[in-house]
Amino acid sequence: MKNNSLLQTLSLGLLVALAFGGCTNNPETKRTPGDLIDDNALEFVIEREIRASDSGYEGAHIVVTVYDGLVLLLGEVPSEALRENATEVTESLYKVDPEKVNNYLTVGGPISMLARTNDGYLSTKVKTRLLVAEGVPGSKVKVVTENGVIYLLGKITPSEADLVVAETQKSFGVQKIVKVFDYLPE
């Protein structure tokens, strides 16, 4: 009985190692599981530091997205001073390149839960379209939607960006597209 449990544990460990090993060698995306973990950890730290910097952020809707060093701040805050403070706090953090911080926070009350649900649905539609479209580097792009506006993040060439934007425009419900790309040479 003990040997069977040990064998199952080792088998599961081997499968996980192979799965992550396959992720690290993907020439299409060149993103490792470590990159994903770093991005997610940095998102958490940035939001925590912004909220800790001022009590005015209580009740604000803040969305932080990090993708390969690009930082995108979205959501709604109560004042312009808090909007600017969010940029300052983010740029002051150790792992953040100030030149790659993109603040698209708006001043106002938080959007409704229905609008957020629609945003999630729209992001899924766009991402799916990018992944299945022939010749479009959908796996190199992160799609985030806030209040009907599509934000596209990634490290791609200008010609790849044009393909991504053209495909994104085909999705019904897209109000505006904002490119937050770190452009690579052609």
N, C-alpha and C. Protein backbone atom coordinates (compact mmCIF):
# COMPACT_ATOMS: atom_id res chain seq x y z
N MET A 1 0.83 -1.20 0.00
CA MET A 1 0.00 0.00 0.00
C MET A 1 0.86 1.25 0.00
N LYS A 2 1.93 1.24 0.86
CA LYS A 2 2.82 2.38 0.93
C LYS A 2 3.56 2.60 -0.38
N ASN A 3 4.01 1.50 -1.01
CA ASN A 3 4.74 1.60 -2.26
C ASN A 3 3.85 2.18 -3.37
N ASN A 4 2.57 1.81 -3.37
CA ASN A 4 1.63 2.31 -4.37
C ASN A 4 1.47 3.83 -4.22
N SER A 5 1.36 4.30 -2.99
CA SER A 5 1.22 5.74 -2.74
C SER A 5 2.47 6.49 -3.15
N LEU A 6 3.64 5.91 -2.84
CA LEU A 6 4.91 6.52 -3.22
C LEU A 6 5.04 6.58 -4.74
N LEU A 7 4.65 5.51 -5.42
CA LEU A 7 4.71 5.47 -6.87
C LEU A 7 3.79 6.53 -7.49
N GLN A 8 2.60 6.70 -6.93
CA GLN A 8 1.67 7.71 -7.43
C GLN A 8 2.24 9.12 -7.24
N THR A 9 2.83 9.36 -6.09
CA THR A 9 3.42 10.67 -5.81
C THR A 9 4.56 10.97 -6.76
N LEU A 10 5.44 9.99 -6.97
CA LEU A 10 6.56 10.18 -7.90
C LEU A 10 6.07 10.40 -9.32
N SER A 11 5.04 9.65 -9.72
CA SER A 11 4.48 9.80 -11.07
C SER A 11 3.90 11.19 -11.27
N LEU A 12 3.17 11.66 -10.26
CA LEU A 12 2.59 13.00 -10.34
C LEU A 12 3.69 14.05 -10.43
N GLY A 13 4.73 13.90 -9.63
CA GLY A 13 5.86 14.83 -9.66
C GLY A 13 6.53 14.86 -11.02
N LEU A 14 6.70 13.67 -11.62
CA LEU A 14 7.32 13.58 -12.95
C LEU A 14 6.45 14.28 -14.00
N LEU A 15 5.14 14.07 -13.93
CA LEU A 15 4.23 14.73 -14.88
C LEU A 15 4.29 16.25 -14.76
N VAL A 16 4.30 16.76 -13.52
CA VAL A 16 4.40 18.20 -13.31
C VAL A 16 5.71 18.73 -13.85
N ALA A 17 6.81 18.03 -13.58
CA ALA A 17 8.13 18.46 -14.08
C ALA A 17 8.16 18.49 -15.60
N LEU A 18 7.59 17.46 -16.23
CA LEU A 18 7.55 17.43 -17.69
C LEU A 18 6.70 18.55 -18.25
N ALA A 19 5.57 18.82 -17.60
CA ALA A 19 4.68 19.89 -18.07
C ALA A 19 5.39 21.24 -17.99
N PHE A 20 6.04 21.51 -16.86
CA PHE A 20 6.75 22.78 -16.73
C PHE A 20 7.98 22.82 -17.63
N GLY A 21 8.62 21.69 -17.84
CA GLY A 21 9.76 21.63 -18.75
C GLY A 21 9.35 21.97 -20.16
N GLY A 22 8.17 21.50 -20.56
CA GLY A 22 7.65 21.83 -21.88
C GLY A 22 7.35 23.30 -22.01
N CYS A 23 6.93 23.94 -20.92
CA CYS A 23 6.63 25.36 -20.96
C CYS A 23 7.89 26.19 -21.16
N THR A 24 8.98 25.75 -20.58
CA THR A 24 10.20 26.57 -20.64
C THR A 24 10.86 26.51 -22.00
N ASN A 25 10.57 25.49 -22.80
CA ASN A 25 11.23 25.35 -24.09
C ASN A 25 10.36 25.77 -25.26
N ASN A 26 9.29 26.47 -25.02
CA ASN A 26 8.39 26.88 -26.07
C ASN A 26 8.97 28.09 -26.80
N PRO A 27 9.46 27.92 -28.02
CA PRO A 27 10.08 29.05 -28.73
C PRO A 27 9.08 30.12 -29.14
N GLU A 28 7.79 29.78 -29.18
CA GLU A 28 6.78 30.74 -29.57
C GLU A 28 6.63 31.85 -28.54
N THR A 29 6.59 31.48 -27.26
CA THR A 29 6.31 32.48 -26.23
C THR A 29 7.56 32.90 -25.47
N LYS A 30 8.53 32.01 -25.32
CA LYS A 30 9.76 32.29 -24.58
C LYS A 30 9.50 32.79 -23.16
N ARG A 31 8.39 32.35 -22.58
CA ARG A 31 8.08 32.70 -21.19
C ARG A 31 8.10 31.44 -20.35
N THR A 32 8.83 31.48 -19.28
CA THR A 32 8.95 30.32 -18.41
C THR A 32 7.92 30.40 -17.30
N PRO A 33 7.69 29.29 -16.59
CA PRO A 33 6.81 29.37 -15.43
C PRO A 33 7.32 30.39 -14.40
N GLY A 34 8.63 30.54 -14.32
CA GLY A 34 9.20 31.54 -13.42
C GLY A 34 8.78 32.95 -13.81
N ASP A 35 8.72 33.22 -15.11
CA ASP A 35 8.26 34.53 -15.59
C ASP A 35 6.82 34.79 -15.16
N LEU A 36 5.99 33.78 -15.29
CA LEU A 36 4.58 33.91 -14.90
C LEU A 36 4.46 34.17 -13.40
N ILE A 37 5.24 33.44 -12.61
CA ILE A 37 5.21 33.61 -11.16
C ILE A 37 5.69 35.01 -10.78
N ASP A 38 6.78 35.46 -11.43
CA ASP A 38 7.29 36.81 -11.15
C ASP A 38 6.25 37.88 -11.47
N ASP A 39 5.59 37.75 -12.63
CA ASP A 39 4.57 38.72 -13.02
C ASP A 39 3.43 38.74 -12.01
N ASN A 40 2.95 37.57 -11.61
CA ASN A 40 1.83 37.50 -10.66
C ASN A 40 2.22 38.06 -9.29
N ALA A 41 3.42 37.74 -8.85
CA ALA A 41 3.88 38.26 -7.55
C ALA A 41 4.01 39.77 -7.59
N LEU A 42 4.53 40.30 -8.69
CA LEU A 42 4.69 41.75 -8.82
C LEU A 42 3.33 42.45 -8.87
N GLU A 43 2.36 41.84 -9.52
CA GLU A 43 1.00 42.41 -9.53
C GLU A 43 0.47 42.55 -8.11
N PHE A 44 0.64 41.50 -7.33
CA PHE A 44 0.18 41.51 -5.94
C PHE A 44 0.88 42.59 -5.13
N VAL A 45 2.20 42.68 -5.27
CA VAL A 45 2.99 43.67 -4.50
C VAL A 45 2.60 45.09 -4.89
N ILE A 46 2.47 45.35 -6.17
CA ILE A 46 2.12 46.70 -6.63
C ILE A 46 0.77 47.12 -6.07
N GLU A 47 -0.23 46.25 -6.19
CA GLU A 47 -1.56 46.64 -5.68
C GLU A 47 -1.52 46.85 -4.17
N ARG A 48 -0.83 45.96 -3.47
CA ARG A 48 -0.75 46.09 -2.01
C ARG A 48 -0.07 47.40 -1.62
N GLU A 49 1.01 47.76 -2.30
CA GLU A 49 1.75 48.99 -1.98
C GLU A 49 0.93 50.24 -2.32
N ILE A 50 0.21 50.20 -3.42
CA ILE A 50 -0.65 51.34 -3.78
C ILE A 50 -1.70 51.54 -2.71
N ARG A 51 -2.40 50.48 -2.35
CA ARG A 51 -3.47 50.59 -1.35
C ARG A 51 -2.93 51.01 0.01
N ALA A 52 -1.72 50.55 0.38
CA ALA A 52 -1.13 50.89 1.67
C ALA A 52 -0.63 52.33 1.72
N SER A 53 -0.43 52.94 0.56
CA SER A 53 0.14 54.28 0.52
C SER A 53 -0.83 55.39 0.92
N ASP A 54 -2.14 55.12 0.84
CA ASP A 54 -3.13 56.15 1.15
C ASP A 54 -4.47 55.50 1.46
N SER A 55 -5.13 55.96 2.50
CA SER A 55 -6.43 55.40 2.87
C SER A 55 -7.53 55.75 1.85
N GLY A 56 -7.26 56.70 0.97
CA GLY A 56 -8.22 57.09 -0.05
C GLY A 56 -8.50 56.00 -1.07
N TYR A 57 -7.64 54.98 -1.12
CA TYR A 57 -7.84 53.89 -2.07
C TYR A 57 -8.89 52.88 -1.59
N GLU A 58 -9.35 53.04 -0.36
CA GLU A 58 -10.36 52.12 0.16
C GLU A 58 -11.62 52.24 -0.69
N GLY A 59 -12.08 51.13 -1.21
CA GLY A 59 -13.26 51.12 -2.05
C GLY A 59 -12.97 51.40 -3.52
N ALA A 60 -11.73 51.77 -3.84
CA ALA A 60 -11.37 52.01 -5.25
C ALA A 60 -11.23 50.67 -5.97
N HIS A 61 -11.48 50.68 -7.25
CA HIS A 61 -11.32 49.49 -8.08
C HIS A 61 -9.99 49.62 -8.82
N ILE A 62 -9.01 48.82 -8.40
CA ILE A 62 -7.67 48.89 -9.00
C ILE A 62 -7.33 47.52 -9.57
N VAL A 63 -6.91 47.51 -10.83
CA VAL A 63 -6.47 46.30 -11.50
C VAL A 63 -5.03 46.52 -11.94
N VAL A 64 -4.13 45.65 -11.47
CA VAL A 64 -2.73 45.74 -11.85
C VAL A 64 -2.41 44.53 -12.70
N THR A 65 -1.84 44.77 -13.87
CA THR A 65 -1.43 43.69 -14.76
C THR A 65 0.04 43.89 -15.10
N VAL A 66 0.81 42.81 -14.97
CA VAL A 66 2.23 42.83 -15.33
C VAL A 66 2.46 41.73 -16.36
N TYR A 67 3.16 42.09 -17.43
CA TYR A 67 3.47 41.12 -18.47
C TYR A 67 4.86 41.42 -19.01
N ASP A 68 5.81 40.55 -18.71
CA ASP A 68 7.20 40.71 -19.15
C ASP A 68 7.76 42.10 -18.82
N GLY A 69 7.50 42.59 -17.65
CA GLY A 69 8.04 43.88 -17.22
C GLY A 69 7.14 45.07 -17.52
N LEU A 70 6.18 44.91 -18.41
CA LEU A 70 5.23 45.98 -18.67
C LEU A 70 4.20 46.02 -17.54
N VAL A 71 3.96 47.19 -17.00
CA VAL A 71 2.99 47.34 -15.91
C VAL A 71 1.82 48.18 -16.40
N LEU A 72 0.62 47.67 -16.19
CA LEU A 72 -0.60 48.36 -16.60
C LEU A 72 -1.47 48.55 -15.37
N LEU A 73 -1.81 49.82 -15.10
CA LEU A 73 -2.70 50.16 -14.00
C LEU A 73 -4.05 50.55 -14.57
N LEU A 74 -5.09 49.85 -14.16
CA LEU A 74 -6.44 50.11 -14.63
C LEU A 74 -7.39 50.24 -13.46
N GLY A 75 -8.57 50.77 -13.72
CA GLY A 75 -9.60 50.86 -12.71
C GLY A 75 -10.02 52.29 -12.47
N GLU A 76 -10.65 52.48 -11.31
CA GLU A 76 -11.17 53.80 -10.97
C GLU A 76 -10.73 54.17 -9.56
N VAL A 77 -10.28 55.41 -9.42
CA VAL A 77 -9.88 55.95 -8.12
C VAL A 77 -10.64 57.26 -7.89
N PRO A 78 -10.79 57.68 -6.61
CA PRO A 78 -11.62 58.85 -6.30
C PRO A 78 -11.06 60.21 -6.72
N SER A 79 -9.73 60.32 -6.94
CA SER A 79 -9.19 61.65 -7.26
C SER A 79 -7.97 61.56 -8.17
N GLU A 80 -7.66 62.69 -8.80
CA GLU A 80 -6.49 62.77 -9.67
C GLU A 80 -5.21 62.59 -8.85
N ALA A 81 -5.20 63.09 -7.61
CA ALA A 81 -4.02 62.93 -6.75
C ALA A 81 -3.74 61.46 -6.48
N LEU A 82 -4.78 60.67 -6.25
CA LEU A 82 -4.59 59.23 -6.03
C LEU A 82 -4.14 58.53 -7.31
N ARG A 83 -4.63 59.00 -8.44
CA ARG A 83 -4.19 58.44 -9.72
C ARG A 83 -2.69 58.65 -9.91
N GLU A 84 -2.23 59.87 -9.66
CA GLU A 84 -0.81 60.19 -9.80
C GLU A 84 0.02 59.46 -8.75
N ASN A 85 -0.50 59.34 -7.53
CA ASN A 85 0.20 58.63 -6.47
C ASN A 85 0.42 57.17 -6.84
N ALA A 86 -0.55 56.56 -7.49
CA ALA A 86 -0.42 55.16 -7.90
C ALA A 86 0.77 54.97 -8.83
N THR A 87 0.98 55.92 -9.73
CA THR A 87 2.14 55.85 -10.63
C THR A 87 3.43 55.99 -9.84
N GLU A 88 3.48 56.96 -8.94
CA GLU A 88 4.69 57.20 -8.15
C GLU A 88 5.04 55.97 -7.31
N VAL A 89 4.06 55.39 -6.65
CA VAL A 89 4.30 54.21 -5.82
C VAL A 89 4.82 53.07 -6.68
N THR A 90 4.17 52.84 -7.82
CA THR A 90 4.57 51.75 -8.70
C THR A 90 5.99 51.94 -9.22
N GLU A 91 6.31 53.14 -9.68
CA GLU A 91 7.64 53.41 -10.22
C GLU A 91 8.74 53.30 -9.17
N SER A 92 8.40 53.47 -7.90
CA SER A 92 9.41 53.43 -6.84
C SER A 92 9.78 52.01 -6.42
N LEU A 93 9.04 51.01 -6.88
CA LEU A 93 9.30 49.64 -6.46
C LEU A 93 10.52 49.06 -7.16
N TYR A 94 11.19 48.18 -6.45
CA TYR A 94 12.48 47.61 -6.87
C TYR A 94 12.46 46.94 -8.24
N LYS A 95 11.50 46.09 -8.51
CA LYS A 95 11.49 45.31 -9.75
C LYS A 95 10.76 46.00 -10.91
N VAL A 96 10.45 47.28 -10.76
CA VAL A 96 9.66 47.98 -11.77
C VAL A 96 10.54 48.99 -12.52
N ASP A 97 10.50 48.92 -13.84
CA ASP A 97 11.17 49.90 -14.69
C ASP A 97 10.18 51.06 -14.88
N PRO A 98 10.51 52.26 -14.36
CA PRO A 98 9.57 53.39 -14.45
C PRO A 98 9.11 53.70 -15.88
N GLU A 99 9.95 53.39 -16.86
CA GLU A 99 9.58 53.68 -18.25
C GLU A 99 8.52 52.71 -18.79
N LYS A 100 8.27 51.62 -18.04
CA LYS A 100 7.32 50.61 -18.51
C LYS A 100 6.03 50.61 -17.70
N VAL A 101 5.78 51.68 -16.95
CA VAL A 101 4.55 51.81 -16.18
C VAL A 101 3.54 52.59 -17.00
N ASN A 102 2.38 52.02 -17.22
CA ASN A 102 1.31 52.62 -18.02
C ASN A 102 0.09 52.80 -17.13
N ASN A 103 -0.21 54.05 -16.77
CA ASN A 103 -1.31 54.33 -15.86
C ASN A 103 -2.55 54.76 -16.65
N TYR A 104 -3.54 53.88 -16.68
CA TYR A 104 -4.82 54.19 -17.33
C TYR A 104 -5.94 54.21 -16.31
N LEU A 105 -5.59 54.50 -15.04
CA LEU A 105 -6.62 54.67 -14.01
C LEU A 105 -7.47 55.88 -14.37
N THR A 106 -8.76 55.79 -14.10
CA THR A 106 -9.64 56.93 -14.33
C THR A 106 -10.16 57.43 -12.99
N VAL A 107 -10.55 58.68 -12.97
CA VAL A 107 -11.09 59.28 -11.75
C VAL A 107 -12.60 59.12 -11.76
N GLY A 108 -13.11 58.48 -10.72
CA GLY A 108 -14.55 58.26 -10.61
C GLY A 108 -14.85 57.07 -9.74
N GLY A 109 -16.12 56.75 -9.64
CA GLY A 109 -16.54 55.60 -8.85
C GLY A 109 -16.28 54.30 -9.59
N PRO A 110 -16.21 53.20 -8.85
CA PRO A 110 -15.97 51.90 -9.49
C PRO A 110 -17.09 51.51 -10.45
N ILE A 111 -16.71 50.82 -11.52
CA ILE A 111 -17.72 50.34 -12.47
C ILE A 111 -18.50 49.20 -11.83
N SER A 112 -19.67 48.91 -12.38
CA SER A 112 -20.56 47.90 -11.81
C SER A 112 -20.01 46.49 -12.01
N MET A 113 -20.52 45.58 -11.23
CA MET A 113 -20.14 44.18 -11.35
C MET A 113 -20.57 43.63 -12.70
N LEU A 114 -21.69 44.09 -13.23
CA LEU A 114 -22.15 43.66 -14.54
C LEU A 114 -21.15 44.09 -15.62
N ALA A 115 -20.66 45.32 -15.53
CA ALA A 115 -19.66 45.80 -16.49
C ALA A 115 -18.37 44.99 -16.39
N ARG A 116 -17.97 44.64 -15.18
CA ARG A 116 -16.75 43.82 -15.00
C ARG A 116 -16.93 42.43 -15.58
N THR A 117 -18.13 41.88 -15.41
CA THR A 117 -18.42 40.56 -15.98
C THR A 117 -18.36 40.63 -17.50
N ASN A 118 -18.93 41.68 -18.07
CA ASN A 118 -18.89 41.87 -19.52
C ASN A 118 -17.44 42.03 -20.00
N ASP A 119 -16.62 42.75 -19.21
CA ASP A 119 -15.21 42.92 -19.56
C ASP A 119 -14.50 41.57 -19.62
N GLY A 120 -14.76 40.71 -18.65
CA GLY A 120 -14.15 39.38 -18.64
C GLY A 120 -14.55 38.58 -19.86
N TYR A 121 -15.83 38.66 -20.21
CA TYR A 121 -16.33 37.96 -21.39
C TYR A 121 -15.67 38.49 -22.66
N LEU A 122 -15.55 39.80 -22.76
CA LEU A 122 -14.93 40.42 -23.94
C LEU A 122 -13.46 40.03 -24.04
N SER A 123 -12.74 40.01 -22.92
CA SER A 123 -11.33 39.58 -22.93
C SER A 123 -11.21 38.16 -23.44
N THR A 124 -12.09 37.30 -22.98
CA THR A 124 -12.07 35.89 -23.40
C THR A 124 -12.33 35.77 -24.90
N LYS A 125 -13.31 36.51 -25.40
CA LYS A 125 -13.60 36.48 -26.84
C LYS A 125 -12.40 36.92 -27.66
N VAL A 126 -11.77 38.03 -27.25
CA VAL A 126 -10.64 38.56 -28.00
C VAL A 126 -9.46 37.60 -27.94
N LYS A 127 -9.15 37.10 -26.74
CA LYS A 127 -8.00 36.19 -26.59
C LYS A 127 -8.21 34.93 -27.41
N THR A 128 -9.41 34.39 -27.40
CA THR A 128 -9.71 33.20 -28.19
C THR A 128 -9.52 33.49 -29.67
N ARG A 129 -10.01 34.62 -30.12
CA ARG A 129 -9.86 35.01 -31.53
C ARG A 129 -8.37 35.11 -31.90
N LEU A 130 -7.57 35.69 -31.01
CA LEU A 130 -6.14 35.85 -31.29
C LEU A 130 -5.43 34.50 -31.34
N LEU A 131 -5.85 33.57 -30.49
CA LEU A 131 -5.18 32.27 -30.45
C LEU A 131 -5.52 31.39 -31.65
N VAL A 132 -6.72 31.52 -32.20
CA VAL A 132 -7.11 30.66 -33.31
C VAL A 132 -6.85 31.28 -34.68
N ALA A 133 -6.57 32.58 -34.73
CA ALA A 133 -6.34 33.24 -36.02
C ALA A 133 -5.00 32.82 -36.60
N GLU A 134 -5.01 32.49 -37.85
CA GLU A 134 -3.80 32.07 -38.56
C GLU A 134 -2.83 33.25 -38.73
N GLY A 135 -1.59 33.05 -38.36
CA GLY A 135 -0.55 34.06 -38.55
C GLY A 135 -0.52 35.16 -37.51
N VAL A 136 -1.39 35.10 -36.52
CA VAL A 136 -1.43 36.13 -35.47
C VAL A 136 -0.74 35.56 -34.22
N PRO A 137 0.23 36.30 -33.67
CA PRO A 137 0.97 35.79 -32.50
C PRO A 137 0.19 35.96 -31.19
N GLY A 138 -0.97 35.33 -31.11
CA GLY A 138 -1.86 35.48 -29.96
C GLY A 138 -1.25 35.01 -28.66
N SER A 139 -0.33 34.04 -28.71
CA SER A 139 0.27 33.54 -27.48
C SER A 139 1.29 34.50 -26.89
N LYS A 140 1.65 35.53 -27.64
CA LYS A 140 2.61 36.52 -27.15
C LYS A 140 1.93 37.77 -26.58
N VAL A 141 0.60 37.75 -26.52
CA VAL A 141 -0.15 38.95 -26.13
C VAL A 141 -1.08 38.64 -24.96
N LYS A 142 -1.09 39.53 -24.00
CA LYS A 142 -2.05 39.44 -22.89
C LYS A 142 -3.16 40.44 -23.17
N VAL A 143 -4.40 40.01 -22.95
CA VAL A 143 -5.57 40.84 -23.22
C VAL A 143 -6.25 41.16 -21.89
N VAL A 144 -6.44 42.45 -21.64
CA VAL A 144 -7.13 42.90 -20.43
C VAL A 144 -8.19 43.91 -20.88
N THR A 145 -9.38 43.80 -20.30
CA THR A 145 -10.48 44.71 -20.66
C THR A 145 -10.95 45.45 -19.42
N GLU A 146 -11.15 46.74 -19.57
CA GLU A 146 -11.69 47.57 -18.48
C GLU A 146 -12.70 48.52 -19.08
N ASN A 147 -13.95 48.36 -18.68
CA ASN A 147 -15.04 49.23 -19.12
C ASN A 147 -15.17 49.27 -20.65
N GLY A 148 -15.03 48.11 -21.28
CA GLY A 148 -15.18 48.00 -22.72
C GLY A 148 -13.97 48.34 -23.54
N VAL A 149 -12.90 48.79 -22.90
CA VAL A 149 -11.66 49.14 -23.60
C VAL A 149 -10.70 47.96 -23.50
N ILE A 150 -10.17 47.53 -24.64
CA ILE A 150 -9.24 46.41 -24.71
C ILE A 150 -7.82 46.94 -24.62
N TYR A 151 -7.05 46.39 -23.69
CA TYR A 151 -5.63 46.72 -23.53
C TYR A 151 -4.84 45.49 -23.96
N LEU A 152 -3.91 45.68 -24.87
CA LEU A 152 -3.10 44.59 -25.40
C LEU A 152 -1.66 44.79 -24.93
N LEU A 153 -1.10 43.80 -24.23
CA LEU A 153 0.26 43.88 -23.71
C LEU A 153 1.10 42.77 -24.32
N GLY A 154 2.37 43.06 -24.54
CA GLY A 154 3.28 42.02 -25.00
C GLY A 154 4.54 42.60 -25.60
N LYS A 155 5.48 41.70 -25.86
CA LYS A 155 6.72 42.06 -26.54
C LYS A 155 6.65 41.46 -27.94
N ILE A 156 6.32 42.32 -28.91
CA ILE A 156 6.17 41.86 -30.29
C ILE A 156 6.70 42.92 -31.25
N THR A 157 6.81 42.56 -32.52
CA THR A 157 7.27 43.50 -33.53
C THR A 157 6.11 44.39 -33.96
N PRO A 158 6.39 45.54 -34.57
CA PRO A 158 5.31 46.41 -35.05
C PRO A 158 4.37 45.72 -36.05
N SER A 159 4.91 44.88 -36.92
CA SER A 159 4.04 44.19 -37.88
C SER A 159 3.15 43.17 -37.18
N GLU A 160 3.68 42.49 -36.15
CA GLU A 160 2.85 41.57 -35.37
C GLU A 160 1.76 42.34 -34.63
N ALA A 161 2.10 43.53 -34.13
CA ALA A 161 1.12 44.36 -33.42
C ALA A 161 -0.03 44.73 -34.36
N ASP A 162 0.30 45.05 -35.59
CA ASP A 162 -0.74 45.39 -36.57
C ASP A 162 -1.70 44.21 -36.78
N LEU A 163 -1.15 42.99 -36.86
CA LEU A 163 -1.98 41.80 -37.03
C LEU A 163 -2.89 41.59 -35.81
N VAL A 164 -2.32 41.78 -34.63
CA VAL A 164 -3.09 41.60 -33.39
C VAL A 164 -4.24 42.61 -33.32
N VAL A 165 -3.95 43.86 -33.63
CA VAL A 165 -4.97 44.90 -33.57
C VAL A 165 -6.06 44.64 -34.61
N ALA A 166 -5.67 44.26 -35.81
CA ALA A 166 -6.65 43.98 -36.87
C ALA A 166 -7.59 42.85 -36.45
N GLU A 167 -7.04 41.82 -35.83
CA GLU A 167 -7.87 40.70 -35.39
C GLU A 167 -8.75 41.09 -34.21
N THR A 168 -8.22 41.91 -33.31
CA THR A 168 -8.99 42.37 -32.14
C THR A 168 -10.20 43.20 -32.58
N GLN A 169 -10.02 44.01 -33.60
CA GLN A 169 -11.11 44.87 -34.09
C GLN A 169 -12.30 44.08 -34.59
N LYS A 170 -12.11 42.82 -34.92
CA LYS A 170 -13.19 41.99 -35.44
C LYS A 170 -14.15 41.52 -34.36
N SER A 171 -13.77 41.67 -33.10
CA SER A 171 -14.62 41.21 -31.99
C SER A 171 -15.72 42.21 -31.71
N PHE A 172 -16.95 41.73 -31.66
CA PHE A 172 -18.09 42.59 -31.38
C PHE A 172 -18.04 43.05 -29.92
N GLY A 173 -18.25 44.34 -29.70
CA GLY A 173 -18.28 44.88 -28.34
C GLY A 173 -17.05 45.67 -27.96
N VAL A 174 -16.03 45.64 -28.81
CA VAL A 174 -14.80 46.38 -28.52
C VAL A 174 -15.07 47.86 -28.77
N GLN A 175 -14.90 48.69 -27.73
CA GLN A 175 -15.13 50.12 -27.88
C GLN A 175 -13.87 50.86 -28.30
N LYS A 176 -12.74 50.39 -27.80
CA LYS A 176 -11.46 51.06 -28.07
C LYS A 176 -10.36 50.05 -27.82
N ILE A 177 -9.24 50.21 -28.51
CA ILE A 177 -8.07 49.34 -28.32
C ILE A 177 -6.89 50.21 -27.92
N VAL A 178 -6.22 49.81 -26.84
CA VAL A 178 -5.02 50.52 -26.38
C VAL A 178 -3.86 49.54 -26.46
N LYS A 179 -2.83 49.93 -27.20
CA LYS A 179 -1.64 49.08 -27.35
C LYS A 179 -0.62 49.46 -26.27
N VAL A 180 -0.24 48.45 -25.47
CA VAL A 180 0.77 48.63 -24.44
C VAL A 180 1.88 47.63 -24.77
N PHE A 181 2.48 47.80 -25.93
CA PHE A 181 3.49 46.86 -26.40
C PHE A 181 4.89 47.38 -26.13
N ASP A 182 5.77 46.43 -25.91
CA ASP A 182 7.21 46.70 -25.87
C ASP A 182 7.69 46.16 -27.21
N TYR A 183 7.97 47.06 -28.15
CA TYR A 183 8.23 46.64 -29.51
C TYR A 183 9.64 46.06 -29.67
N LEU A 184 9.67 44.92 -30.37
CA LEU A 184 10.93 44.26 -30.73
C LEU A 184 11.28 44.68 -32.15
N PRO A 185 12.55 44.61 -32.52
CA PRO A 185 12.91 44.94 -33.91
C PRO A 185 12.33 43.90 -34.87
N GLU A 186 12.03 44.34 -36.08
CA GLU A 186 11.48 43.44 -37.10
C GLU A 186 12.55 42.46 -37.44
